[in-house]
Amino acid sequence: MAKDMGRRGVLAGGLGALAGAGVAPAAFAAEHTGGPAGTGNLVPAGELKGYSLPLSARGTANIVGAPPWHYAGTVVGVEFWTTPEAAARALPAGLTPDPDTAGHGYALFIDWQFAGSDQEYLDPVRSQYAEFLILLDARWQGSPVAWCPFIYVDNDAALARGWFQGFPKKLGSIHQTRAFPVPSEAAPSVAAGGTFAGTASVAGRLLSQAQVTLDHTISTLPALGRPIVNLRHFPRLLAGRYDDPAVHELTMSILDTPRVAECWSGPGKLEFLPVPGEELADLAIQRTGAGFRGSLSYTVTDLKILTGPDAPKS
């Protein structure tokens, strides 16, 4: 049975991450809920239509339509610790290491299905995608949060939605072991002893692999305990101003009606491998903790801006 985690949960740990998956305390969510959006509008009358590029005459060609964005997926994840120094180097300005959990993080492999307002799940080639991401424990103004330094997807629309929110998505190839209701030697059971794996590769090179053996049921996914903070960064292509981005702001993900179901935990294994042009392996794994598997869903309609000109004035 699905567990409703509360409307307008601010997520952070799992998923993208989920920003703290509605497991964040209500007082924290209320304190960090965004204010009214700016009233300025830069779009001239008669402009082409669409929420995102490419704008077009009918407005249906854009890579991503306007929210609401609905998600449902299956997660395979493993808890890990890197060195406190490596974790601190991965944090952006404005976030600080969490002294209580220095070096702690999660690696998540997720199979997603997406829909907007028109049952887009009936077009599976567009609505289904896979994702791999890292979440590190951090602090924002003294409050526990999760930071997503790396995330990979295999779908262009998912990549664009991530950039709009501040997730630093790149293209990759991500897979996880599937389970089916029918018994078979071709699939593990979602039961004690069932073993599930996840892999992520970039440009044909293996980046990470994980394995989880289910042992006992749990009430939620461990990675959903903190709100997720990201960094929206859009550079300028303007000579002399390459180091002066058009947008550079910390954001906090907000997830509406997050739910989880069929959550299991057990021993986990995890590896990060060096790949040219990637820095994931710099988060050298010192040890692993719990592995887990489960399903979750949520909706995105809003984003909290923490820093920059669009942040709420205190």
C-alpha atoms as a PDB file:
ATOM      1  CA  MET A   1       0.000   0.000   0.000  1.00  0.00           C
ATOM      2  CA  ALA A   2       1.301   3.441  -0.888  1.00  0.00           C
ATOM      3  CA  LYS A   3       2.179   5.737   1.974  1.00  0.00           C
ATOM      4  CA  ASP A   4       1.110   9.381   1.552  1.00  0.00           C
ATOM      5  CA  MET A   5       3.916  11.586   2.830  1.00  0.00           C
ATOM      6  CA  GLY A   6       1.897  14.807   3.022  1.00  0.00           C
ATOM      7  CA  ARG A   7       0.934  17.478   0.537  1.00  0.00           C
ATOM      8  CA  ARG A   8       3.586  19.967  -0.563  1.00  0.00           C
ATOM      9  CA  GLY A   9       6.373  17.980   1.021  1.00  0.00           C
ATOM     10  CA  VAL A  10       9.747  19.621   0.509  1.00  0.00           C
ATOM     11  CA  LEU A  11      12.006  16.793  -0.599  1.00  0.00           C
ATOM     12  CA  ALA A  12      15.608  16.247  -0.374  1.00  0.00           C
ATOM     13  CA  GLY A  13      17.219  12.944  -0.087  1.00  0.00           C
ATOM     14  CA  GLY A  14      16.015  10.728  -2.633  1.00  0.00           C
ATOM     15  CA  LEU A  15      15.269  11.746  -5.456  1.00  0.00           C
ATOM     16  CA  GLY A  16      15.716  14.425  -6.801  1.00  0.00           C
ATOM     17  CA  ALA A  17      16.282  13.394  -5.853  1.00  0.00           C
ATOM     18  CA  LEU A  18      13.568  14.192  -4.141  1.00  0.00           C
ATOM     19  CA  ALA A  19      14.207  17.096  -2.225  1.00  0.00           C
ATOM     20  CA  GLY A  20      13.768  15.832   1.196  1.00  0.00           C
ATOM     21  CA  ALA A  21      10.746  13.936   0.390  1.00  0.00           C
ATOM     22  CA  GLY A  22       8.028  15.280   2.442  1.00  0.00           C
ATOM     23  CA  VAL A  23       9.802  13.690   5.340  1.00  0.00           C
ATOM     24  CA  ALA A  24      11.142  17.107   6.239  1.00  0.00           C
ATOM     25  CA  PRO A  25       9.424  18.538   9.335  1.00  0.00           C
ATOM     26  CA  ALA A  26       6.364  20.668   8.627  1.00  0.00           C
ATOM     27  CA  ALA A  27       7.904  23.661  10.368  1.00  0.00           C
ATOM     28  CA  PHE A  28      10.941  23.439   8.108  1.00  0.00           C
ATOM     29  CA  ALA A  29       8.759  23.172   4.988  1.00  0.00           C
ATOM     30  CA  ALA A  30       6.658  26.147   6.036  1.00  0.00           C
ATOM     31  CA  GLU A  31       9.699  28.249   6.810  1.00  0.00           C
ATOM     32  CA  HIS A  32      11.273  27.535   3.438  1.00  0.00           C
ATOM     33  CA  THR A  33       8.230  27.734   1.161  1.00  0.00           C
ATOM     34  CA  GLY A  34       8.735  30.231  -1.638  1.00  0.00           C
ATOM     35  CA  GLY A  35       7.106  33.629  -1.881  1.00  0.00           C
ATOM     36  CA  PRO A  36       5.159  35.077  -4.807  1.00  0.00           C
ATOM     37  CA  ALA A  37       6.811  34.973  -8.194  1.00  0.00           C
ATOM     38  CA  GLY A  38       8.080  38.138  -9.830  1.00  0.00           C
ATOM     39  CA  THR A  39       5.582  40.077 -11.887  1.00  0.00           C
ATOM     40  CA  GLY A  40       7.972  41.148 -14.633  1.00  0.00           C
ATOM     41  CA  ASN A  41       7.401  39.596 -18.061  1.00  0.00           C
ATOM     42  CA  LEU A  42      10.080  39.763 -20.756  1.00  0.00           C
ATOM     43  CA  VAL A  43       8.008  37.997 -23.436  1.00  0.00           C
ATOM     44  CA  PRO A  44       6.765  40.455 -26.114  1.00  0.00           C
ATOM     45  CA  ALA A  45       3.219  40.353 -27.418  1.00  0.00           C
ATOM     46  CA  GLY A  46       2.805  38.036 -30.394  1.00  0.00           C
ATOM     47  CA  GLU A  47       5.813  35.859 -29.465  1.00  0.00           C
ATOM     48  CA  LEU A  48       5.984  32.201 -30.474  1.00  0.00           C
ATOM     49  CA  LYS A  49       4.364  29.845 -27.958  1.00  0.00           C
ATOM     50  CA  GLY A  50       5.711  27.330 -25.468  1.00  0.00           C
ATOM     51  CA  TYR A  51       7.059  26.904 -21.964  1.00  0.00           C
ATOM     52  CA  SER A  52      10.587  26.013 -23.136  1.00  0.00           C
ATOM     53  CA  LEU A  53      12.576  25.945 -26.356  1.00  0.00           C
ATOM     54  CA  PRO A  54      11.840  25.479 -29.142  1.00  0.00           C
ATOM     55  CA  LEU A  55       9.009  28.014 -29.097  1.00  0.00           C
ATOM     56  CA  SER A  56       6.678  27.483 -32.026  1.00  0.00           C
ATOM     57  CA  ALA A  57       3.456  28.606 -33.692  1.00  0.00           C
ATOM     58  CA  ARG A  58       1.257  26.096 -31.829  1.00  0.00           C
ATOM     59  CA  GLY A  59       3.426  25.725 -28.721  1.00  0.00           C
ATOM     60  CA  THR A  60       3.564  21.932 -28.828  1.00  0.00           C
ATOM     61  CA  ALA A  61       7.142  21.548 -30.097  1.00  0.00           C
ATOM     62  CA  ASN A  62       8.813  22.662 -26.851  1.00  0.00           C
ATOM     63  CA  ILE A  63      11.017  20.052 -25.219  1.00  0.00           C
ATOM     64  CA  VAL A  64       9.219  20.523 -21.886  1.00  0.00           C
ATOM     65  CA  GLY A  65       5.682  21.765 -21.320  1.00  0.00           C
ATOM     66  CA  ALA A  66       4.637  23.812 -18.310  1.00  0.00           C
ATOM     67  CA  PRO A  67       3.950  22.070 -14.987  1.00  0.00           C
ATOM     68  CA  PRO A  68       2.364  20.153 -13.406  1.00  0.00           C
ATOM     69  CA  TRP A  69       4.988  17.429 -13.831  1.00  0.00           C
ATOM     70  CA  HIS A  70       3.982  14.057 -12.405  1.00  0.00           C
ATOM     71  CA  TYR A  71       6.493  11.299 -11.626  1.00  0.00           C
ATOM     72  CA  ALA A  72       6.305   7.652 -10.562  1.00  0.00           C
ATOM     73  CA  GLY A  73       9.322   5.403 -10.273  1.00  0.00           C
ATOM     74  CA  THR A  74      11.254   2.555  -8.700  1.00  0.00           C
ATOM     75  CA  VAL A  75      14.446   3.288  -6.751  1.00  0.00           C
ATOM     76  CA  VAL A  76      17.464   1.125  -6.033  1.00  0.00           C
ATOM     77  CA  GLY A  77      19.846   2.934  -3.699  1.00  0.00           C
ATOM     78  CA  VAL A  78      22.832   2.546  -1.403  1.00  0.00           C
ATOM     79  CA  GLU A  79      24.008   4.692   1.492  1.00  0.00           C
ATOM     80  CA  PHE A  80      27.725   5.567   1.504  1.00  0.00           C
ATOM     81  CA  TRP A  81      30.391   7.637   3.196  1.00  0.00           C
ATOM     82  CA  THR A  82      33.222   9.465   1.452  1.00  0.00           C
ATOM     83  CA  THR A  83      35.846  11.515   3.272  1.00  0.00           C
ATOM     84  CA  PRO A  84      34.594  14.733   4.876  1.00  0.00           C
ATOM     85  CA  GLU A  85      37.155  16.627   2.814  1.00  0.00           C
ATOM     86  CA  ALA A  86      35.901  15.188  -0.496  1.00  0.00           C
ATOM     87  CA  ALA A  87      32.294  15.941   0.411  1.00  0.00           C
ATOM     88  CA  ALA A  88      33.152  19.508   1.431  1.00  0.00           C
ATOM     89  CA  ARG A  89      34.939  20.150  -1.890  1.00  0.00           C
ATOM     90  CA  ALA A  90      31.756  19.148  -3.751  1.00  0.00           C
ATOM     91  CA  LEU A  91      29.571  21.783  -2.040  1.00  0.00           C
ATOM     92  CA  PRO A  92      28.722  25.133  -3.657  1.00  0.00           C
ATOM     93  CA  ALA A  93      29.078  28.500  -1.982  1.00  0.00           C
ATOM     94  CA  GLY A  94      26.219  28.976   0.479  1.00  0.00           C
ATOM     95  CA  LEU A  95      26.133  25.367   1.688  1.00  0.00           C
ATOM     96  CA  THR A  96      28.342  24.021   4.464  1.00  0.00           C
ATOM     97  CA  PRO A  97      29.214  20.475   5.534  1.00  0.00           C
ATOM     98  CA  ASP A  98      26.907  18.900   8.081  1.00  0.00           C
ATOM     99  CA  PRO A  99      29.171  18.343  11.106  1.00  0.00           C
ATOM    100  CA  ASP A 100      26.890  15.584  12.382  1.00  0.00           C
ATOM    101  CA  THR A 101      27.060  13.456   9.202  1.00  0.00           C
ATOM    102  CA  ALA A 102      30.237  14.592   7.428  1.00  0.00           C
ATOM    103  CA  GLY A 103      30.902  12.637   4.231  1.00  0.00           C
ATOM    104  CA  HIS A 104      27.524  10.869   4.226  1.00  0.00           C
ATOM    105  CA  GLY A 105      25.503  10.463   1.046  1.00  0.00           C
ATOM    106  CA  TYR A 106      23.295   8.279  -1.142  1.00  0.00           C
ATOM    107  CA  ALA A 107      23.584   6.866  -4.657  1.00  0.00           C
ATOM    108  CA  LEU A 108      20.218   6.334  -6.378  1.00  0.00           C
ATOM    109  CA  PHE A 109      19.270   4.446  -9.550  1.00  0.00           C
ATOM    110  CA  ILE A 110      15.703   5.220 -10.628  1.00  0.00           C
ATOM    111  CA  ASP A 111      13.362   4.001 -13.354  1.00  0.00           C
ATOM    112  CA  TRP A 112      10.873   6.818 -13.989  1.00  0.00           C
ATOM    113  CA  GLN A 113       7.576   7.305 -15.759  1.00  0.00           C
ATOM    114  CA  PHE A 114       6.508  10.911 -16.364  1.00  0.00           C
ATOM    115  CA  ALA A 115       3.287  12.673 -17.307  1.00  0.00           C
ATOM    116  CA  GLY A 116       2.088  16.241 -17.639  1.00  0.00           C
ATOM    117  CA  SER A 117      -1.596  17.116 -17.870  1.00  0.00           C
ATOM    118  CA  ASP A 118      -2.563  14.774 -20.713  1.00  0.00           C
ATOM    119  CA  GLN A 119      -1.716  11.141 -19.838  1.00  0.00           C
ATOM    120  CA  GLU A 120       1.711  11.359 -21.494  1.00  0.00           C
ATOM    121  CA  TYR A 121       2.452   7.924 -20.031  1.00  0.00           C
ATOM    122  CA  LEU A 122       0.490   6.556 -23.009  1.00  0.00           C
ATOM    123  CA  ASP A 123       3.514   7.557 -25.120  1.00  0.00           C
ATOM    124  CA  PRO A 124       6.099   5.328 -23.392  1.00  0.00           C
ATOM    125  CA  VAL A 125       9.036   6.241 -25.606  1.00  0.00           C
ATOM    126  CA  ARG A 126       8.800   9.825 -24.331  1.00  0.00           C
ATOM    127  CA  SER A 127       7.488   9.309 -20.814  1.00  0.00           C
ATOM    128  CA  GLN A 128       9.881   6.615 -19.570  1.00  0.00           C
ATOM    129  CA  TYR A 129      13.470   7.304 -18.590  1.00  0.00           C
ATOM    130  CA  ALA A 130      16.174   6.242 -16.163  1.00  0.00           C
ATOM    131  CA  GLU A 131      18.204   8.341 -13.742  1.00  0.00           C
ATOM    132  CA  PHE A 132      21.284   8.039 -11.529  1.00  0.00           C
ATOM    133  CA  LEU A 133      22.105  10.666  -8.921  1.00  0.00           C
ATOM    134  CA  ILE A 134      24.189  11.419  -5.864  1.00  0.00           C
ATOM    135  CA  LEU A 135      22.978  13.201  -2.734  1.00  0.00           C
ATOM    136  CA  LEU A 136      25.356  14.543  -0.063  1.00  0.00           C
ATOM    137  CA  ASP A 137      24.437  15.729   3.416  1.00  0.00           C
ATOM    138  CA  ALA A 138      24.932  19.473   3.944  1.00  0.00           C
ATOM    139  CA  ARG A 139      23.601  22.477   5.855  1.00  0.00           C
ATOM    140  CA  TRP A 140      21.768  25.554   4.556  1.00  0.00           C
ATOM    141  CA  GLN A 141      21.724  28.346   7.120  1.00  0.00           C
ATOM    142  CA  GLY A 142      22.117  25.729   9.824  1.00  0.00           C
ATOM    143  CA  SER A 143      19.306  23.429   8.597  1.00  0.00           C
ATOM    144  CA  PRO A 144      20.017  19.900   7.290  1.00  0.00           C
ATOM    145  CA  VAL A 145      19.654  19.605   3.499  1.00  0.00           C
ATOM    146  CA  ALA A 146      20.876  17.339   0.710  1.00  0.00           C
ATOM    147  CA  TRP A 147      23.033  18.562  -2.180  1.00  0.00           C
ATOM    148  CA  CYS A 148      23.021  16.913  -5.625  1.00  0.00           C
ATOM    149  CA  PRO A 149      26.506  17.288  -7.166  1.00  0.00           C
ATOM    150  CA  PHE A 150      26.002  14.775 -10.005  1.00  0.00           C
ATOM    151  CA  ILE A 151      22.978  13.364 -11.836  1.00  0.00           C
ATOM    152  CA  TYR A 152      22.542  11.527 -15.154  1.00  0.00           C
ATOM    153  CA  VAL A 153      19.485  10.727 -17.292  1.00  0.00           C
ATOM    154  CA  ASP A 154      18.827   9.083 -20.660  1.00  0.00           C
ATOM    155  CA  ASN A 155      16.050  11.402 -21.877  1.00  0.00           C
ATOM    156  CA  ASP A 156      16.350  14.939 -23.281  1.00  0.00           C
ATOM    157  CA  ALA A 157      13.134  16.241 -21.700  1.00  0.00           C
ATOM    158  CA  ALA A 158      14.209  14.915 -18.291  1.00  0.00           C
ATOM    159  CA  LEU A 159      17.543  16.676 -18.723  1.00  0.00           C
ATOM    160  CA  ALA A 160      15.804  19.982 -19.525  1.00  0.00           C
ATOM    161  CA  ARG A 161      13.379  19.714 -16.588  1.00  0.00           C
ATOM    162  CA  GLY A 162      16.374  19.115 -14.356  1.00  0.00           C
ATOM    163  CA  TRP A 163      18.252  22.183 -15.591  1.00  0.00           C
ATOM    164  CA  PHE A 164      15.178  24.357 -15.015  1.00  0.00           C
ATOM    165  CA  GLN A 165      15.142  23.198 -11.373  1.00  0.00           C
ATOM    166  CA  GLY A 166      18.890  23.348 -10.833  1.00  0.00           C
ATOM    167  CA  PHE A 167      19.714  19.639 -11.067  1.00  0.00           C
ATOM    168  CA  PRO A 168      23.047  19.380 -12.953  1.00  0.00           C
ATOM    169  CA  LYS A 169      21.831  16.646 -15.299  1.00  0.00           C
ATOM    170  CA  LYS A 170      24.007  15.053 -17.975  1.00  0.00           C
ATOM    171  CA  LEU A 171      23.205  12.289 -20.433  1.00  0.00           C
ATOM    172  CA  GLY A 172      24.093   8.741 -19.445  1.00  0.00           C
ATOM    173  CA  SER A 173      22.931   5.141 -19.663  1.00  0.00           C
ATOM    174  CA  ILE A 174      21.255   3.833 -16.514  1.00  0.00           C
ATOM    175  CA  HIS A 175      19.711   0.428 -15.820  1.00  0.00           C
ATOM    176  CA  GLN A 176      18.372  -1.527 -12.861  1.00  0.00           C
ATOM    177  CA  THR A 177      17.149  -5.059 -12.246  1.00  0.00           C
ATOM    178  CA  ARG A 178      13.411  -5.451 -12.850  1.00  0.00           C
ATOM    179  CA  ALA A 179      10.897  -7.441 -10.838  1.00  0.00           C
ATOM    180  CA  PHE A 180       7.667  -9.027 -12.100  1.00  0.00           C
ATOM    181  CA  PRO A 181       4.572 -10.439 -10.369  1.00  0.00           C
ATOM    182  CA  VAL A 182       5.063 -13.826 -12.055  1.00  0.00           C
ATOM    183  CA  PRO A 183       7.697 -16.132 -10.510  1.00  0.00           C
ATOM    184  CA  SER A 184      10.683 -16.748 -12.778  1.00  0.00           C
ATOM    185  CA  GLU A 185      14.382 -17.525 -12.711  1.00  0.00           C
ATOM    186  CA  ALA A 186      14.718 -14.407 -14.917  1.00  0.00           C
ATOM    187  CA  ALA A 187      13.835 -11.982 -12.115  1.00  0.00           C
ATOM    188  CA  PRO A 188      14.284 -11.616  -8.349  1.00  0.00           C
ATOM    189  CA  SER A 189      11.332 -11.506  -5.991  1.00  0.00           C
ATOM    190  CA  VAL A 190      10.446  -8.390  -4.040  1.00  0.00           C
ATOM    191  CA  ALA A 191      10.937 -10.365  -0.848  1.00  0.00           C
ATOM    192  CA  ALA A 192      13.657 -11.245   1.619  1.00  0.00           C
ATOM    193  CA  GLY A 193      16.647 -12.571  -0.316  1.00  0.00           C
ATOM    194  CA  GLY A 194      15.810 -10.835  -3.590  1.00  0.00           C
ATOM    195  CA  THR A 195      18.885  -9.121  -5.052  1.00  0.00           C
ATOM    196  CA  PHE A 196      18.700  -6.050  -7.293  1.00  0.00           C
ATOM    197  CA  ALA A 197      21.454  -4.201  -9.144  1.00  0.00           C
ATOM    198  CA  GLY A 198      21.908  -0.796 -10.754  1.00  0.00           C
ATOM    199  CA  THR A 199      24.465   0.458 -13.255  1.00  0.00           C
ATOM    200  CA  ALA A 200      25.280   3.863 -14.734  1.00  0.00           C
ATOM    201  CA  SER A 201      27.634   4.606 -17.608  1.00  0.00           C
ATOM    202  CA  VAL A 202      28.675   7.738 -19.468  1.00  0.00           C
ATOM    203  CA  ALA A 203      30.009   7.832 -23.032  1.00  0.00           C
ATOM    204  CA  GLY A 204      30.238   4.049 -23.037  1.00  0.00           C
ATOM    205  CA  ARG A 205      32.292   3.901 -19.811  1.00  0.00           C
ATOM    206  CA  LEU A 206      31.021   2.372 -16.560  1.00  0.00           C
ATOM    207  CA  LEU A 207      30.616   5.105 -13.941  1.00  0.00           C
ATOM    208  CA  SER A 208      28.912   3.337 -11.028  1.00  0.00           C
ATOM    209  CA  GLN A 209      27.387   0.019 -10.078  1.00  0.00           C
ATOM    210  CA  ALA A 210      25.432  -1.108  -7.043  1.00  0.00           C
ATOM    211  CA  GLN A 211      23.771  -4.192  -5.591  1.00  0.00           C
ATOM    212  CA  VAL A 212      21.126  -4.530  -2.880  1.00  0.00           C
ATOM    213  CA  THR A 213      19.864  -7.734  -1.254  1.00  0.00           C
ATOM    214  CA  LEU A 214      16.459  -7.251   0.353  1.00  0.00           C
ATOM    215  CA  ASP A 215      16.205  -8.240   4.006  1.00  0.00           C
ATOM    216  CA  HIS A 216      13.253  -6.476   5.660  1.00  0.00           C
ATOM    217  CA  THR A 217      10.536  -3.954   4.907  1.00  0.00           C
ATOM    218  CA  ILE A 218      10.881  -0.316   5.965  1.00  0.00           C
ATOM    219  CA  SER A 219       8.378   2.544   6.212  1.00  0.00           C
ATOM    220  CA  THR A 220      10.069   4.915   3.751  1.00  0.00           C
ATOM    221  CA  LEU A 221      13.118   5.354   1.523  1.00  0.00           C
ATOM    222  CA  PRO A 222      16.163   6.398   3.610  1.00  0.00           C
ATOM    223  CA  ALA A 223      17.251   9.019   1.084  1.00  0.00           C
ATOM    224  CA  LEU A 224      14.083  11.067   1.556  1.00  0.00           C
ATOM    225  CA  GLY A 225      14.928  12.662   4.862  1.00  0.00           C
ATOM    226  CA  ARG A 226      16.276  16.058   3.784  1.00  0.00           C
ATOM    227  CA  PRO A 227      15.121  18.781   1.381  1.00  0.00           C
ATOM    228  CA  ILE A 228      17.292  18.874  -1.761  1.00  0.00           C
ATOM    229  CA  VAL A 229      19.178  22.026  -2.635  1.00  0.00           C
ATOM    230  CA  ASN A 230      20.459  22.576  -6.185  1.00  0.00           C
ATOM    231  CA  LEU A 231      22.203  25.324  -8.159  1.00  0.00           C
ATOM    232  CA  ARG A 232      20.562  26.936 -11.196  1.00  0.00           C
ATOM    233  CA  HIS A 233      23.452  28.183 -13.339  1.00  0.00           C
ATOM    234  CA  PHE A 234      23.099  29.548 -16.885  1.00  0.00           C
ATOM    235  CA  PRO A 235      26.271  31.120 -18.349  1.00  0.00           C
ATOM    236  CA  ARG A 236      26.506  34.003 -20.779  1.00  0.00           C
ATOM    237  CA  LEU A 237      27.959  33.608 -24.259  1.00  0.00           C
ATOM    238  CA  LEU A 238      29.282  37.147 -24.226  1.00  0.00           C
ATOM    239  CA  ALA A 239      32.953  37.973 -24.718  1.00  0.00           C
ATOM    240  CA  GLY A 240      34.495  39.243 -21.507  1.00  0.00           C
ATOM    241  CA  ARG A 241      31.621  37.978 -19.333  1.00  0.00           C
ATOM    242  CA  TYR A 242      32.065  34.215 -19.381  1.00  0.00           C
ATOM    243  CA  ASP A 243      32.506  34.267 -15.602  1.00  0.00           C
ATOM    244  CA  ASP A 244      29.378  36.405 -15.106  1.00  0.00           C
ATOM    245  CA  PRO A 245      26.427  33.985 -15.509  1.00  0.00           C
ATOM    246  CA  ALA A 246      22.973  35.220 -16.440  1.00  0.00           C
ATOM    247  CA  VAL A 247      21.544  33.060 -13.622  1.00  0.00           C
ATOM    248  CA  HIS A 248      23.344  31.719 -10.549  1.00  0.00           C
ATOM    249  CA  GLU A 249      21.070  30.852  -7.627  1.00  0.00           C
ATOM    250  CA  LEU A 250      20.578  28.136  -5.052  1.00  0.00           C
ATOM    251  CA  THR A 251      17.167  26.452  -5.196  1.00  0.00           C
ATOM    252  CA  MET A 252      15.217  24.012  -3.053  1.00  0.00           C
ATOM    253  CA  SER A 253      13.039  21.356  -4.659  1.00  0.00           C
ATOM    254  CA  ILE A 254       9.403  21.205  -3.618  1.00  0.00           C
ATOM    255  CA  LEU A 255       7.464  17.987  -4.175  1.00  0.00           C
ATOM    256  CA  ASP A 256       3.683  17.851  -3.977  1.00  0.00           C
ATOM    257  CA  THR A 257       1.991  14.774  -2.484  1.00  0.00           C
ATOM    258  CA  PRO A 258       5.054  12.498  -2.250  1.00  0.00           C
ATOM    259  CA  ARG A 259       4.171   8.841  -1.680  1.00  0.00           C
ATOM    260  CA  VAL A 260       6.206   5.680  -1.213  1.00  0.00           C
ATOM    261  CA  ALA A 261       5.325   1.983  -1.415  1.00  0.00           C
ATOM    262  CA  GLU A 262       6.916  -1.458  -1.073  1.00  0.00           C
ATOM    263  CA  CYS A 263      10.086  -0.172   0.579  1.00  0.00           C
ATOM    264  CA  TRP A 264      12.745  -2.714   1.517  1.00  0.00           C
ATOM    265  CA  SER A 265      16.220  -2.495   3.032  1.00  0.00           C
ATOM    266  CA  GLY A 266      19.213  -4.803   3.215  1.00  0.00           C
ATOM    267  CA  PRO A 267      22.959  -5.018   2.653  1.00  0.00           C
ATOM    268  CA  GLY A 268      24.264  -2.843  -0.161  1.00  0.00           C
ATOM    269  CA  LYS A 269      27.351  -2.717  -2.342  1.00  0.00           C
ATOM    270  CA  LEU A 270      28.469   0.350  -4.311  1.00  0.00           C
ATOM    271  CA  GLU A 271      31.330   1.349  -6.607  1.00  0.00           C
ATOM    272  CA  PHE A 272      32.346   4.631  -8.269  1.00  0.00           C
ATOM    273  CA  LEU A 273      34.750   4.220 -11.187  1.00  0.00           C
ATOM    274  CA  PRO A 274      37.004   6.862 -12.797  1.00  0.00           C
ATOM    275  CA  VAL A 275      35.771   8.136 -16.162  1.00  0.00           C
ATOM    276  CA  PRO A 276      37.425  10.874 -18.270  1.00  0.00           C
ATOM    277  CA  GLY A 277      35.585  14.162 -17.837  1.00  0.00           C
ATOM    278  CA  GLU A 278      33.772  13.024 -14.691  1.00  0.00           C
ATOM    279  CA  GLU A 279      34.495  13.676 -10.993  1.00  0.00           C
ATOM    280  CA  LEU A 280      32.220  11.152  -9.284  1.00  0.00           C
ATOM    281  CA  ALA A 281      35.181   8.917  -8.378  1.00  0.00           C
ATOM    282  CA  ASP A 282      36.669  11.845  -6.445  1.00  0.00           C
ATOM    283  CA  LEU A 283      34.001  11.019  -3.837  1.00  0.00           C
ATOM    284  CA  ALA A 284      36.030   7.944  -2.935  1.00  0.00           C
ATOM    285  CA  ILE A 285      33.819   5.505  -1.031  1.00  0.00           C
ATOM    286  CA  GLN A 286      35.155   4.779   2.461  1.00  0.00           C
ATOM    287  CA  ARG A 287      32.321   2.473   3.447  1.00  0.00           C
ATOM    288  CA  THR A 288      28.714   1.653   2.573  1.00  0.00           C
ATOM    289  CA  GLY A 289      25.630   1.387   4.749  1.00  0.00           C
ATOM    290  CA  ALA A 290      22.074   0.331   4.044  1.00  0.00           C
ATOM    291  CA  GLY A 291      20.874  -0.646   0.623  1.00  0.00           C
ATOM    292  CA  PHE A 292      17.217  -0.154  -0.239  1.00  0.00           C
ATOM    293  CA  ARG A 293      14.561  -0.547  -2.934  1.00  0.00           C
ATOM    294  CA  GLY A 294      11.082   0.941  -3.224  1.00  0.00           C
ATOM    295  CA  SER A 295       8.631   2.922  -5.309  1.00  0.00           C
ATOM    296  CA  LEU A 296       7.717   6.584  -5.059  1.00  0.00           C
ATOM    297  CA  SER A 297       5.638   9.243  -6.755  1.00  0.00           C
ATOM    298  CA  TYR A 298       5.249  13.011  -6.541  1.00  0.00           C
ATOM    299  CA  THR A 299       4.300  16.103  -8.536  1.00  0.00           C
ATOM    300  CA  VAL A 300       6.345  19.254  -9.242  1.00  0.00           C
ATOM    301  CA  THR A 301       4.615  22.617  -9.673  1.00  0.00           C
ATOM    302  CA  ASP A 302       6.931  25.040  -7.882  1.00  0.00           C
ATOM    303  CA  LEU A 303      10.509  25.780  -6.849  1.00  0.00           C
ATOM    304  CA  LYS A 304      11.947  27.632  -3.879  1.00  0.00           C
ATOM    305  CA  ILE A 305      14.667  30.184  -4.800  1.00  0.00           C
ATOM    306  CA  LEU A 306      17.128  30.544  -1.927  1.00  0.00           C
ATOM    307  CA  THR A 307      19.656  33.070  -3.251  1.00  0.00           C
ATOM    308  CA  GLY A 308      19.891  35.717  -5.979  1.00  0.00           C
ATOM    309  CA  PRO A 309      17.514  38.462  -7.114  1.00  0.00           C
ATOM    310  CA  ASP A 310      14.435  36.196  -7.176  1.00  0.00           C
ATOM    311  CA  ALA A 311      14.894  34.963  -3.594  1.00  0.00           C
ATOM    312  CA  PRO A 312      12.278  36.131  -1.079  1.00  0.00           C
ATOM    313  CA  LYS A 313      13.372  39.269   0.712  1.00  0.00           C
ATOM    314  CA  SER A 314      13.796  38.782   4.434  1.00  0.00           C
END
